[in-house]
Amino acid sequence: MWRCSCLGGEAPHLRISSLGCEADRLQLLVSSYNEDHPDQVPAKGVFADRREQVGDIHSGSVDVTLLRTPFDNRGLDSDRLWTDDYVALLGGGHRLAGRTVVEREELAGEVHPVWSVGPTAPVPGARWTGPDTSLLDWKPGPVVHDTGQYLSAIRLGEAIGLAPRTVVSAASPEGINVVPVVGLPPSELHVAWLATATSPDLARFVRHAGQLADH
């Protein structure tokens, strides 16, 4: 039976997780839900480890999470909240760094960083570098463990990056050119929860998230 997380003697609450790059939308969802439902079990935002984000839902350590497609949806239900266009992250010396827009085909064969889930287990590139990589014919580059290493690989010209527009700061990361990409399907941000969950509090939060995204 699903119940609100209650850790370390805390009052019951809904734990809503996301990666740090989705902090603005996590804060928006949590704060607006608590404001609109002051008499209900409150929501609390927490940051997820990218290696454990889906597993945390299955283990019950969080109740709801924000996930970017593609993701492993086995045992989960989810609703799409927002779609975002992709931008390319290019080092200053890259051949396309001075462009105002880049076509998908121009990125074919480019090298991308690969996120690691451990010393010997890199995450498949499609999950973290953008959409279905068959559209890009990409090449795996340096294995990175955190955002600092990811951005450093791009600054040093070892790789390029792809990211949803909304997760990149309005000010370009230092030493990196942010260029819109034409021809890629958009990135989808979903709210996801355990398929067997029956809590009315969880259902209320999911409805709130969908209504907020529609406006």
N, C-alpha and C. Protein backbone atom coordinates (compact mmCIF):
# COMPACT_ATOMS: atom_id res chain seq x y z
N MET A 1 0.85 -1.19 0.00
CA MET A 1 0.00 0.00 0.00
C MET A 1 0.88 1.24 0.00
N TRP A 2 0.63 2.12 -0.93
CA TRP A 2 1.43 3.35 -1.02
C TRP A 2 1.08 4.28 0.12
N ARG A 3 2.06 4.98 0.63
CA ARG A 3 1.81 6.02 1.62
C ARG A 3 2.82 7.12 1.41
N CYS A 4 2.49 8.30 1.90
CA CYS A 4 3.45 9.41 1.80
C CYS A 4 4.73 9.05 2.53
N SER A 5 5.85 9.46 1.99
CA SER A 5 7.12 9.21 2.66
C SER A 5 7.15 9.91 4.00
N CYS A 6 7.72 9.26 4.96
CA CYS A 6 7.87 9.86 6.29
C CYS A 6 9.19 9.36 6.84
N LEU A 7 10.25 10.14 6.71
CA LEU A 7 11.59 9.71 7.07
C LEU A 7 12.07 10.44 8.31
N GLY A 8 12.71 9.67 9.21
CA GLY A 8 13.33 10.30 10.37
C GLY A 8 12.36 11.01 11.27
N GLY A 9 11.11 10.55 11.35
CA GLY A 9 10.15 11.17 12.25
C GLY A 9 9.51 12.41 11.71
N GLU A 10 9.76 12.77 10.46
CA GLU A 10 9.14 13.95 9.88
C GLU A 10 7.64 13.72 9.71
N ALA A 11 6.90 14.83 9.65
CA ALA A 11 5.47 14.74 9.34
C ALA A 11 5.32 14.18 7.93
N PRO A 12 4.22 13.47 7.66
CA PRO A 12 4.03 12.90 6.32
C PRO A 12 4.07 13.99 5.24
N HIS A 13 4.66 13.66 4.11
CA HIS A 13 4.72 14.59 2.99
C HIS A 13 4.97 13.80 1.71
N LEU A 14 4.64 14.40 0.60
CA LEU A 14 4.95 13.85 -0.71
C LEU A 14 6.36 14.28 -1.09
N ARG A 15 7.19 13.32 -1.45
CA ARG A 15 8.55 13.63 -1.87
C ARG A 15 8.59 13.64 -3.39
N ILE A 16 8.91 14.81 -3.96
CA ILE A 16 8.94 15.00 -5.40
C ILE A 16 10.39 15.23 -5.81
N SER A 17 10.93 14.41 -6.70
CA SER A 17 12.35 14.52 -7.04
C SER A 17 12.55 14.96 -8.49
N SER A 18 13.73 15.48 -8.74
CA SER A 18 14.17 15.81 -10.10
C SER A 18 15.68 15.92 -10.09
N LEU A 19 16.28 15.91 -11.26
CA LEU A 19 17.69 16.25 -11.36
C LEU A 19 17.86 17.74 -11.07
N GLY A 20 19.07 18.11 -10.70
CA GLY A 20 19.32 19.51 -10.36
C GLY A 20 19.04 20.47 -11.50
N CYS A 21 19.21 20.00 -12.75
CA CYS A 21 18.98 20.88 -13.89
C CYS A 21 17.50 21.22 -14.09
N GLU A 22 16.61 20.49 -13.40
CA GLU A 22 15.18 20.78 -13.48
C GLU A 22 14.69 21.53 -12.24
N ALA A 23 15.61 22.17 -11.51
CA ALA A 23 15.26 22.78 -10.22
C ALA A 23 14.15 23.82 -10.34
N ASP A 24 14.16 24.63 -11.39
CA ASP A 24 13.15 25.69 -11.51
C ASP A 24 11.75 25.10 -11.61
N ARG A 25 11.59 24.08 -12.42
CA ARG A 25 10.27 23.49 -12.56
C ARG A 25 9.87 22.67 -11.34
N LEU A 26 10.83 22.03 -10.70
CA LEU A 26 10.54 21.32 -9.44
C LEU A 26 10.02 22.31 -8.41
N GLN A 27 10.71 23.43 -8.26
CA GLN A 27 10.27 24.44 -7.29
C GLN A 27 8.90 24.99 -7.63
N LEU A 28 8.65 25.23 -8.92
CA LEU A 28 7.36 25.75 -9.35
C LEU A 28 6.24 24.78 -8.99
N LEU A 29 6.43 23.50 -9.28
CA LEU A 29 5.38 22.52 -9.01
C LEU A 29 5.12 22.37 -7.51
N VAL A 30 6.19 22.27 -6.74
CA VAL A 30 6.03 22.06 -5.30
C VAL A 30 5.42 23.27 -4.61
N SER A 31 5.95 24.45 -4.90
CA SER A 31 5.45 25.65 -4.21
C SER A 31 4.01 25.96 -4.60
N SER A 32 3.67 25.80 -5.88
CA SER A 32 2.30 26.10 -6.30
C SER A 32 1.32 25.07 -5.75
N TYR A 33 1.74 23.80 -5.67
CA TYR A 33 0.87 22.78 -5.09
C TYR A 33 0.59 23.08 -3.62
N ASN A 34 1.62 23.39 -2.87
CA ASN A 34 1.43 23.68 -1.44
C ASN A 34 0.58 24.93 -1.23
N GLU A 35 0.74 25.91 -2.08
CA GLU A 35 -0.06 27.13 -1.98
C GLU A 35 -1.52 26.85 -2.29
N ASP A 36 -1.79 26.01 -3.30
CA ASP A 36 -3.17 25.73 -3.71
C ASP A 36 -3.86 24.69 -2.83
N HIS A 37 -3.08 23.91 -2.07
CA HIS A 37 -3.67 22.85 -1.24
C HIS A 37 -3.10 22.92 0.18
N PRO A 38 -3.34 24.01 0.88
CA PRO A 38 -2.72 24.19 2.20
C PRO A 38 -3.22 23.20 3.26
N ASP A 39 -4.36 22.58 3.05
CA ASP A 39 -4.92 21.67 4.04
C ASP A 39 -4.61 20.20 3.74
N GLN A 40 -3.81 19.96 2.69
CA GLN A 40 -3.48 18.59 2.32
C GLN A 40 -2.04 18.25 2.73
N VAL A 41 -1.69 16.98 2.62
CA VAL A 41 -0.31 16.57 2.88
C VAL A 41 0.62 17.38 1.97
N PRO A 42 1.59 18.07 2.53
CA PRO A 42 2.42 18.95 1.69
C PRO A 42 3.41 18.18 0.83
N ALA A 43 3.81 18.82 -0.26
CA ALA A 43 4.86 18.29 -1.13
C ALA A 43 6.21 18.86 -0.72
N LYS A 44 7.25 18.08 -0.93
CA LYS A 44 8.61 18.51 -0.62
C LYS A 44 9.52 18.13 -1.78
N GLY A 45 10.26 19.08 -2.31
CA GLY A 45 11.15 18.80 -3.42
C GLY A 45 12.50 18.29 -2.96
N VAL A 46 13.04 17.29 -3.64
CA VAL A 46 14.36 16.75 -3.35
C VAL A 46 15.08 16.52 -4.68
N PHE A 47 16.40 16.60 -4.67
CA PHE A 47 17.17 16.35 -5.88
C PHE A 47 17.54 14.88 -5.97
N ALA A 48 17.49 14.35 -7.20
CA ALA A 48 17.75 12.94 -7.46
C ALA A 48 19.17 12.74 -7.98
N ASP A 49 19.75 11.60 -7.67
CA ASP A 49 20.96 11.12 -8.31
C ASP A 49 20.53 10.50 -9.63
N ARG A 50 21.11 10.94 -10.75
CA ARG A 50 20.68 10.44 -12.05
C ARG A 50 20.79 8.92 -12.14
N ARG A 51 21.69 8.32 -11.35
CA ARG A 51 21.86 6.87 -11.39
C ARG A 51 20.74 6.14 -10.64
N GLU A 52 20.03 6.85 -9.77
CA GLU A 52 19.06 6.20 -8.90
C GLU A 52 17.65 6.73 -9.08
N GLN A 53 17.44 7.65 -10.01
CA GLN A 53 16.18 8.38 -10.07
C GLN A 53 14.98 7.46 -10.24
N VAL A 54 15.03 6.54 -11.20
CA VAL A 54 13.91 5.62 -11.40
C VAL A 54 13.83 4.61 -10.26
N GLY A 55 14.98 4.12 -9.80
CA GLY A 55 14.99 3.17 -8.70
C GLY A 55 14.39 3.72 -7.43
N ASP A 56 14.53 5.02 -7.20
CA ASP A 56 13.96 5.64 -6.00
C ASP A 56 12.44 5.54 -5.99
N ILE A 57 11.82 5.61 -7.17
CA ILE A 57 10.37 5.44 -7.25
C ILE A 57 9.99 4.01 -6.88
N HIS A 58 10.70 3.05 -7.43
CA HIS A 58 10.39 1.64 -7.15
C HIS A 58 10.63 1.28 -5.68
N SER A 59 11.62 1.89 -5.07
CA SER A 59 11.92 1.58 -3.67
C SER A 59 11.01 2.31 -2.70
N GLY A 60 10.30 3.33 -3.18
CA GLY A 60 9.42 4.10 -2.32
C GLY A 60 10.09 5.23 -1.58
N SER A 61 11.37 5.50 -1.87
CA SER A 61 12.05 6.60 -1.17
C SER A 61 11.60 7.96 -1.68
N VAL A 62 11.03 8.01 -2.90
CA VAL A 62 10.33 9.21 -3.37
C VAL A 62 9.00 8.76 -3.95
N ASP A 63 8.07 9.69 -4.05
CA ASP A 63 6.72 9.36 -4.49
C ASP A 63 6.45 9.73 -5.95
N VAL A 64 7.06 10.82 -6.38
CA VAL A 64 6.87 11.32 -7.75
C VAL A 64 8.22 11.85 -8.21
N THR A 65 8.51 11.72 -9.51
CA THR A 65 9.74 12.28 -10.03
C THR A 65 9.49 12.92 -11.38
N LEU A 66 10.35 13.84 -11.76
CA LEU A 66 10.31 14.48 -13.08
C LEU A 66 11.39 13.84 -13.94
N LEU A 67 10.98 13.26 -15.06
CA LEU A 67 11.89 12.50 -15.92
C LEU A 67 11.86 13.03 -17.34
N ARG A 68 13.04 13.08 -17.96
CA ARG A 68 13.16 13.41 -19.37
C ARG A 68 13.13 12.13 -20.20
N THR A 69 12.44 12.19 -21.33
CA THR A 69 12.47 11.06 -22.25
C THR A 69 13.83 11.01 -22.94
N PRO A 70 14.31 9.79 -23.29
CA PRO A 70 13.70 8.50 -23.00
C PRO A 70 14.03 8.03 -21.60
N PHE A 71 13.12 7.26 -20.96
CA PHE A 71 13.41 6.68 -19.65
C PHE A 71 12.76 5.31 -19.54
N ASP A 72 13.21 4.53 -18.58
CA ASP A 72 12.70 3.18 -18.38
C ASP A 72 11.35 3.30 -17.66
N ASN A 73 10.27 3.04 -18.39
CA ASN A 73 8.94 3.24 -17.82
C ASN A 73 8.31 1.96 -17.28
N ARG A 74 9.09 0.89 -17.16
CA ARG A 74 8.55 -0.35 -16.63
C ARG A 74 8.09 -0.17 -15.18
N GLY A 75 6.82 -0.47 -14.92
CA GLY A 75 6.27 -0.34 -13.59
C GLY A 75 5.87 1.07 -13.21
N LEU A 76 5.96 1.99 -14.16
CA LEU A 76 5.63 3.39 -13.89
C LEU A 76 4.43 3.83 -14.72
N ASP A 77 3.71 4.80 -14.21
CA ASP A 77 2.78 5.59 -14.99
C ASP A 77 3.37 6.99 -15.11
N SER A 78 3.03 7.69 -16.18
CA SER A 78 3.58 9.04 -16.33
C SER A 78 2.66 9.87 -17.20
N ASP A 79 2.74 11.18 -17.02
CA ASP A 79 2.05 12.15 -17.87
C ASP A 79 3.07 13.15 -18.38
N ARG A 80 2.96 13.52 -19.63
CA ARG A 80 3.84 14.56 -20.19
C ARG A 80 3.38 15.92 -19.68
N LEU A 81 4.36 16.70 -19.21
CA LEU A 81 4.05 18.05 -18.74
C LEU A 81 4.47 19.11 -19.75
N TRP A 82 5.74 19.10 -20.15
CA TRP A 82 6.27 20.14 -21.04
C TRP A 82 7.12 19.50 -22.13
N THR A 83 7.21 20.17 -23.26
CA THR A 83 8.15 19.80 -24.31
C THR A 83 9.09 20.98 -24.56
N ASP A 84 10.34 20.68 -24.82
CA ASP A 84 11.36 21.71 -24.99
C ASP A 84 12.23 21.39 -26.20
N ASP A 85 12.56 22.40 -26.96
CA ASP A 85 13.49 22.23 -28.07
C ASP A 85 14.90 22.01 -27.55
N TYR A 86 15.73 21.38 -28.37
CA TYR A 86 17.12 21.13 -28.00
C TYR A 86 18.03 22.26 -28.47
N VAL A 87 19.10 22.45 -27.69
CA VAL A 87 20.19 23.33 -28.09
C VAL A 87 21.47 22.51 -28.07
N ALA A 88 22.41 22.90 -28.92
CA ALA A 88 23.73 22.29 -28.92
C ALA A 88 24.66 23.12 -28.05
N LEU A 89 25.49 22.43 -27.28
CA LEU A 89 26.51 23.08 -26.45
C LEU A 89 27.85 22.85 -27.13
N LEU A 90 28.48 23.93 -27.58
CA LEU A 90 29.67 23.84 -28.42
C LEU A 90 30.81 24.65 -27.81
N GLY A 91 32.00 24.07 -27.79
CA GLY A 91 33.17 24.81 -27.36
C GLY A 91 33.49 25.94 -28.33
N GLY A 92 34.21 26.94 -27.84
CA GLY A 92 34.48 28.12 -28.66
C GLY A 92 35.19 27.83 -29.95
N GLY A 93 35.97 26.76 -30.01
CA GLY A 93 36.71 26.43 -31.22
C GLY A 93 35.98 25.50 -32.17
N HIS A 94 34.76 25.14 -31.86
CA HIS A 94 34.02 24.22 -32.72
C HIS A 94 33.64 24.89 -34.02
N ARG A 95 33.60 24.12 -35.10
CA ARG A 95 33.33 24.67 -36.43
C ARG A 95 31.96 25.34 -36.54
N LEU A 96 31.01 24.98 -35.65
CA LEU A 96 29.66 25.54 -35.71
C LEU A 96 29.39 26.55 -34.59
N ALA A 97 30.42 26.89 -33.82
CA ALA A 97 30.22 27.70 -32.62
C ALA A 97 29.66 29.09 -32.93
N GLY A 98 29.95 29.63 -34.09
CA GLY A 98 29.49 30.98 -34.41
C GLY A 98 28.13 31.04 -35.06
N ARG A 99 27.48 29.92 -35.23
CA ARG A 99 26.19 29.87 -35.91
C ARG A 99 25.06 30.33 -34.99
N THR A 100 23.97 30.82 -35.60
CA THR A 100 22.78 31.18 -34.84
C THR A 100 21.79 30.03 -34.76
N VAL A 101 21.95 29.03 -35.64
CA VAL A 101 21.12 27.84 -35.63
C VAL A 101 21.90 26.72 -36.33
N VAL A 102 21.66 25.47 -35.92
CA VAL A 102 22.35 24.32 -36.50
C VAL A 102 21.30 23.31 -36.94
N GLU A 103 21.48 22.73 -38.12
CA GLU A 103 20.62 21.65 -38.59
C GLU A 103 21.06 20.32 -37.97
N ARG A 104 20.09 19.46 -37.73
CA ARG A 104 20.39 18.15 -37.15
C ARG A 104 21.48 17.42 -37.92
N GLU A 105 21.39 17.44 -39.25
CA GLU A 105 22.32 16.70 -40.07
C GLU A 105 23.76 17.16 -39.89
N GLU A 106 23.94 18.42 -39.50
CA GLU A 106 25.29 18.95 -39.31
C GLU A 106 25.97 18.37 -38.07
N LEU A 107 25.21 17.73 -37.20
CA LEU A 107 25.77 17.15 -35.98
C LEU A 107 26.09 15.67 -36.11
N ALA A 108 25.81 15.09 -37.28
CA ALA A 108 26.10 13.67 -37.49
C ALA A 108 27.58 13.39 -37.29
N GLY A 109 27.87 12.33 -36.56
CA GLY A 109 29.26 11.93 -36.34
C GLY A 109 29.97 12.67 -35.23
N GLU A 110 29.29 13.60 -34.55
CA GLU A 110 29.93 14.34 -33.47
C GLU A 110 30.13 13.44 -32.24
N VAL A 111 31.10 13.81 -31.44
CA VAL A 111 31.42 13.08 -30.20
C VAL A 111 30.64 13.70 -29.04
N HIS A 112 30.04 12.83 -28.21
CA HIS A 112 29.29 13.28 -27.03
C HIS A 112 29.88 12.69 -25.77
N PRO A 113 29.87 13.42 -24.66
CA PRO A 113 30.25 12.81 -23.38
C PRO A 113 29.28 11.67 -23.04
N VAL A 114 29.74 10.70 -22.28
CA VAL A 114 28.91 9.59 -21.83
C VAL A 114 28.86 9.62 -20.31
N TRP A 115 27.65 9.70 -19.77
CA TRP A 115 27.48 9.72 -18.32
C TRP A 115 27.75 8.34 -17.74
N SER A 116 28.49 8.28 -16.65
CA SER A 116 28.80 7.02 -16.00
C SER A 116 27.86 6.75 -14.83
N VAL A 117 27.52 5.49 -14.65
CA VAL A 117 26.76 5.09 -13.45
C VAL A 117 27.66 4.35 -12.48
N GLY A 118 28.93 4.33 -12.72
CA GLY A 118 29.86 3.63 -11.86
C GLY A 118 31.20 3.50 -12.56
N PRO A 119 32.21 2.94 -11.89
CA PRO A 119 33.55 2.86 -12.47
C PRO A 119 33.61 2.13 -13.80
N THR A 120 32.71 1.15 -14.02
CA THR A 120 32.81 0.36 -15.24
C THR A 120 31.50 0.29 -16.00
N ALA A 121 30.55 1.17 -15.70
CA ALA A 121 29.22 1.03 -16.30
C ALA A 121 28.69 2.35 -16.83
N PRO A 122 29.16 2.79 -18.01
CA PRO A 122 28.61 4.03 -18.57
C PRO A 122 27.14 3.87 -18.94
N VAL A 123 26.39 4.94 -18.77
CA VAL A 123 24.99 4.94 -19.19
C VAL A 123 24.94 5.01 -20.71
N PRO A 124 24.06 4.25 -21.37
CA PRO A 124 23.91 4.39 -22.83
C PRO A 124 23.68 5.84 -23.22
N GLY A 125 24.34 6.26 -24.28
CA GLY A 125 24.34 7.67 -24.64
C GLY A 125 22.98 8.26 -24.89
N ALA A 126 22.05 7.49 -25.47
CA ALA A 126 20.76 8.06 -25.83
C ALA A 126 20.03 8.62 -24.62
N ARG A 127 20.29 8.05 -23.47
CA ARG A 127 19.53 8.48 -22.29
C ARG A 127 19.92 9.87 -21.83
N TRP A 128 21.20 10.24 -22.02
CA TRP A 128 21.67 11.49 -21.44
C TRP A 128 22.11 12.52 -22.47
N THR A 129 22.40 12.10 -23.71
CA THR A 129 22.89 13.08 -24.68
C THR A 129 21.77 13.73 -25.47
N GLY A 130 20.55 13.22 -25.36
CA GLY A 130 19.47 13.82 -26.11
C GLY A 130 18.47 12.78 -26.57
N PRO A 131 17.85 12.98 -27.70
CA PRO A 131 16.84 12.06 -28.20
C PRO A 131 17.46 10.81 -28.78
N ASP A 132 16.67 10.02 -29.47
CA ASP A 132 17.14 8.80 -30.10
C ASP A 132 18.41 9.08 -30.89
N THR A 133 19.53 8.50 -30.46
CA THR A 133 20.80 8.86 -31.08
C THR A 133 20.95 8.31 -32.49
N SER A 134 20.06 7.41 -32.90
CA SER A 134 20.11 6.96 -34.29
C SER A 134 19.86 8.12 -35.25
N LEU A 135 19.23 9.19 -34.74
CA LEU A 135 18.99 10.37 -35.56
C LEU A 135 20.28 11.18 -35.77
N LEU A 136 21.29 10.90 -34.97
CA LEU A 136 22.49 11.73 -34.99
C LEU A 136 23.75 11.00 -35.44
N ASP A 137 23.76 9.67 -35.39
CA ASP A 137 24.96 8.92 -35.72
C ASP A 137 26.13 9.46 -34.89
N TRP A 138 25.95 9.48 -33.58
CA TRP A 138 26.92 10.08 -32.67
C TRP A 138 28.05 9.11 -32.35
N LYS A 139 29.13 9.64 -31.76
CA LYS A 139 30.26 8.84 -31.32
C LYS A 139 30.47 9.05 -29.83
N PRO A 140 30.72 7.97 -29.07
CA PRO A 140 30.94 8.12 -27.64
C PRO A 140 32.27 8.79 -27.35
N GLY A 141 32.25 9.72 -26.42
CA GLY A 141 33.46 10.45 -26.04
C GLY A 141 33.86 10.15 -24.61
N PRO A 142 34.42 11.12 -23.92
CA PRO A 142 34.90 10.89 -22.55
C PRO A 142 33.76 10.53 -21.61
N VAL A 143 34.02 9.60 -20.69
CA VAL A 143 33.05 9.25 -19.65
C VAL A 143 33.11 10.31 -18.57
N VAL A 144 31.96 10.86 -18.20
CA VAL A 144 31.90 11.93 -17.21
C VAL A 144 31.02 11.51 -16.05
N HIS A 145 31.32 12.06 -14.88
CA HIS A 145 30.62 11.66 -13.66
C HIS A 145 29.75 12.77 -13.07
N ASP A 146 29.96 13.99 -13.52
CA ASP A 146 29.16 15.09 -12.99
C ASP A 146 29.08 16.19 -14.03
N THR A 147 28.26 17.21 -13.72
CA THR A 147 28.03 18.29 -14.67
C THR A 147 29.31 19.07 -14.97
N GLY A 148 30.18 19.24 -13.95
CA GLY A 148 31.43 19.95 -14.17
C GLY A 148 32.30 19.27 -15.21
N GLN A 149 32.41 17.94 -15.12
CA GLN A 149 33.19 17.20 -16.10
C GLN A 149 32.55 17.25 -17.49
N TYR A 150 31.22 17.18 -17.51
CA TYR A 150 30.49 17.26 -18.78
C TYR A 150 30.80 18.57 -19.49
N LEU A 151 30.67 19.69 -18.77
CA LEU A 151 30.91 20.99 -19.39
C LEU A 151 32.39 21.19 -19.73
N SER A 152 33.28 20.64 -18.90
CA SER A 152 34.71 20.77 -19.19
C SER A 152 35.08 20.06 -20.48
N ALA A 153 34.48 18.88 -20.72
CA ALA A 153 34.76 18.15 -21.96
C ALA A 153 34.35 18.97 -23.17
N ILE A 154 33.26 19.73 -23.03
CA ILE A 154 32.80 20.57 -24.14
C ILE A 154 33.72 21.78 -24.31
N ARG A 155 34.08 22.44 -23.22
CA ARG A 155 34.97 23.59 -23.29
C ARG A 155 36.31 23.22 -23.93
N LEU A 156 36.82 22.04 -23.60
CA LEU A 156 38.12 21.61 -24.10
C LEU A 156 38.07 21.08 -25.53
N GLY A 157 36.89 21.04 -26.11
CA GLY A 157 36.75 20.58 -27.48
C GLY A 157 36.79 19.07 -27.63
N GLU A 158 36.63 18.33 -26.52
CA GLU A 158 36.64 16.87 -26.59
C GLU A 158 35.30 16.30 -27.03
N ALA A 159 34.25 17.10 -26.95
CA ALA A 159 32.91 16.62 -27.25
C ALA A 159 31.99 17.83 -27.41
N ILE A 160 30.76 17.55 -27.88
CA ILE A 160 29.71 18.55 -27.86
C ILE A 160 28.60 18.02 -26.95
N GLY A 161 27.64 18.87 -26.62
CA GLY A 161 26.51 18.43 -25.81
C GLY A 161 25.20 18.81 -26.45
N LEU A 162 24.15 18.13 -26.02
CA LEU A 162 22.79 18.49 -26.37
C LEU A 162 21.99 18.60 -25.07
N ALA A 163 21.13 19.60 -25.00
CA ALA A 163 20.33 19.77 -23.79
C ALA A 163 19.02 20.44 -24.14
N PRO A 164 17.96 20.14 -23.41
CA PRO A 164 16.72 20.90 -23.59
C PRO A 164 16.98 22.37 -23.28
N ARG A 165 16.37 23.23 -24.03
CA ARG A 165 16.64 24.67 -23.90
C ARG A 165 16.43 25.15 -22.46
N THR A 166 15.41 24.64 -21.78
CA THR A 166 15.08 25.17 -20.46
C THR A 166 16.06 24.78 -19.37
N VAL A 167 16.90 23.75 -19.60
CA VAL A 167 17.83 23.37 -18.54
C VAL A 167 19.16 24.11 -18.68
N VAL A 168 19.30 24.91 -19.74
CA VAL A 168 20.50 25.72 -19.92
C VAL A 168 20.20 27.12 -19.45
N SER A 169 21.05 27.65 -18.62
CA SER A 169 20.85 28.99 -18.09
C SER A 169 20.69 30.00 -19.21
N ALA A 170 19.91 31.05 -18.93
CA ALA A 170 19.73 32.12 -19.92
C ALA A 170 21.08 32.70 -20.34
N ALA A 171 22.03 32.71 -19.41
CA ALA A 171 23.40 33.10 -19.75
C ALA A 171 24.17 31.84 -20.10
N SER A 172 24.82 31.81 -21.25
CA SER A 172 25.53 30.62 -21.69
C SER A 172 26.60 30.25 -20.66
N PRO A 173 26.79 28.94 -20.39
CA PRO A 173 27.89 28.53 -19.51
C PRO A 173 29.21 29.09 -20.04
N GLU A 174 30.07 29.50 -19.14
CA GLU A 174 31.33 30.14 -19.53
C GLU A 174 32.12 29.26 -20.51
N GLY A 175 32.53 29.86 -21.63
CA GLY A 175 33.34 29.16 -22.60
C GLY A 175 32.58 28.23 -23.52
N ILE A 176 31.24 28.29 -23.48
CA ILE A 176 30.41 27.38 -24.27
C ILE A 176 29.39 28.19 -25.06
N ASN A 177 29.25 27.89 -26.34
CA ASN A 177 28.24 28.52 -27.18
C ASN A 177 26.99 27.66 -27.19
N VAL A 178 25.83 28.28 -26.96
CA VAL A 178 24.54 27.58 -26.94
C VAL A 178 23.81 27.93 -28.23
N VAL A 179 23.59 26.92 -29.09
CA VAL A 179 23.04 27.14 -30.43
C VAL A 179 21.79 26.28 -30.61
N PRO A 180 20.65 26.87 -30.99
CA PRO A 180 19.44 26.07 -31.25
C PRO A 180 19.67 25.05 -32.36
N VAL A 181 19.03 23.88 -32.20
CA VAL A 181 19.13 22.80 -33.19
C VAL A 181 17.78 22.61 -33.87
N VAL A 182 17.79 22.59 -35.19
CA VAL A 182 16.57 22.37 -35.98
C VAL A 182 16.55 20.93 -36.47
N GLY A 183 15.39 20.27 -36.38
CA GLY A 183 15.24 18.95 -36.96
C GLY A 183 15.25 17.81 -35.98
N LEU A 184 15.42 18.10 -34.68
CA LEU A 184 15.34 17.06 -33.66
C LEU A 184 13.96 17.07 -33.02
N PRO A 185 13.40 15.91 -32.70
CA PRO A 185 12.14 15.91 -31.96
C PRO A 185 12.37 16.55 -30.59
N PRO A 186 11.36 17.21 -30.03
CA PRO A 186 11.55 17.90 -28.76
C PRO A 186 11.78 16.94 -27.60
N SER A 187 12.40 17.46 -26.56
CA SER A 187 12.55 16.73 -25.31
C SER A 187 11.26 16.86 -24.50
N GLU A 188 10.81 15.76 -23.91
CA GLU A 188 9.59 15.76 -23.11
C GLU A 188 9.93 15.60 -21.64
N LEU A 189 9.35 16.44 -20.80
CA LEU A 189 9.49 16.31 -19.36
C LEU A 189 8.20 15.70 -18.82
N HIS A 190 8.32 14.54 -18.18
CA HIS A 190 7.17 13.82 -17.64
C HIS A 190 7.17 13.85 -16.12
N VAL A 191 5.99 13.80 -15.55
CA VAL A 191 5.84 13.50 -14.12
C VAL A 191 5.53 12.01 -14.05
N ALA A 192 6.26 11.27 -13.22
CA ALA A 192 6.15 9.81 -13.19
C ALA A 192 5.99 9.32 -11.76
N TRP A 193 5.26 8.19 -11.62
CA TRP A 193 4.99 7.62 -10.30
C TRP A 193 4.81 6.11 -10.46
N LEU A 194 4.81 5.39 -9.34
CA LEU A 194 4.66 3.94 -9.37
C LEU A 194 3.28 3.58 -9.86
N ALA A 195 3.21 2.65 -10.82
CA ALA A 195 1.94 2.30 -11.44
C ALA A 195 0.93 1.72 -10.45
N THR A 196 1.42 1.12 -9.38
CA THR A 196 0.52 0.50 -8.40
C THR A 196 0.08 1.47 -7.30
N ALA A 197 0.54 2.70 -7.34
CA ALA A 197 0.19 3.68 -6.31
C ALA A 197 -1.30 3.99 -6.34
N THR A 198 -1.91 4.11 -5.16
CA THR A 198 -3.35 4.38 -5.06
C THR A 198 -3.65 5.60 -4.20
N SER A 199 -2.64 6.33 -3.79
CA SER A 199 -2.86 7.45 -2.87
C SER A 199 -3.61 8.61 -3.51
N PRO A 200 -4.64 9.12 -2.87
CA PRO A 200 -5.32 10.31 -3.39
C PRO A 200 -4.43 11.55 -3.35
N ASP A 201 -3.47 11.59 -2.42
CA ASP A 201 -2.54 12.73 -2.36
C ASP A 201 -1.66 12.76 -3.60
N LEU A 202 -1.16 11.59 -3.98
CA LEU A 202 -0.33 11.52 -5.18
C LEU A 202 -1.15 11.91 -6.41
N ALA A 203 -2.38 11.36 -6.49
CA ALA A 203 -3.23 11.68 -7.64
C ALA A 203 -3.52 13.18 -7.70
N ARG A 204 -3.70 13.79 -6.55
CA ARG A 204 -3.97 15.23 -6.49
C ARG A 204 -2.78 16.02 -7.01
N PHE A 205 -1.55 15.59 -6.63
CA PHE A 205 -0.36 16.30 -7.09
C PHE A 205 -0.21 16.17 -8.60
N VAL A 206 -0.44 14.97 -9.14
CA VAL A 206 -0.31 14.76 -10.56
C VAL A 206 -1.31 15.61 -11.34
N ARG A 207 -2.54 15.68 -10.84
CA ARG A 207 -3.55 16.54 -11.50
C ARG A 207 -3.11 17.99 -11.48
N HIS A 208 -2.58 18.43 -10.34
CA HIS A 208 -2.10 19.81 -10.23
C HIS A 208 -0.99 20.08 -11.23
N ALA A 209 -0.05 19.15 -11.34
CA ALA A 209 1.07 19.32 -12.28
C ALA A 209 0.56 19.46 -13.71
N GLY A 210 -0.41 18.61 -14.08
CA GLY A 210 -0.95 18.67 -15.43
C GLY A 210 -1.69 19.97 -15.71
N GLN A 211 -2.45 20.44 -14.73
CA GLN A 211 -3.18 21.70 -14.90
C GLN A 211 -2.22 22.88 -15.00
N LEU A 212 -1.15 22.84 -14.20
CA LEU A 212 -0.18 23.93 -14.26
C LEU A 212 0.54 23.96 -15.60
N ALA A 213 0.88 22.78 -16.11
CA ALA A 213 1.59 22.71 -17.39
C ALA A 213 0.71 23.16 -18.55
N ASP A 214 -0.60 23.01 -18.42
CA ASP A 214 -1.51 23.39 -19.50
C ASP A 214 -1.66 24.89 -19.63
N HIS A 215 -1.26 25.65 -18.61
CA HIS A 215 -1.44 27.11 -18.65
C HIS A 215 -0.18 27.81 -19.15
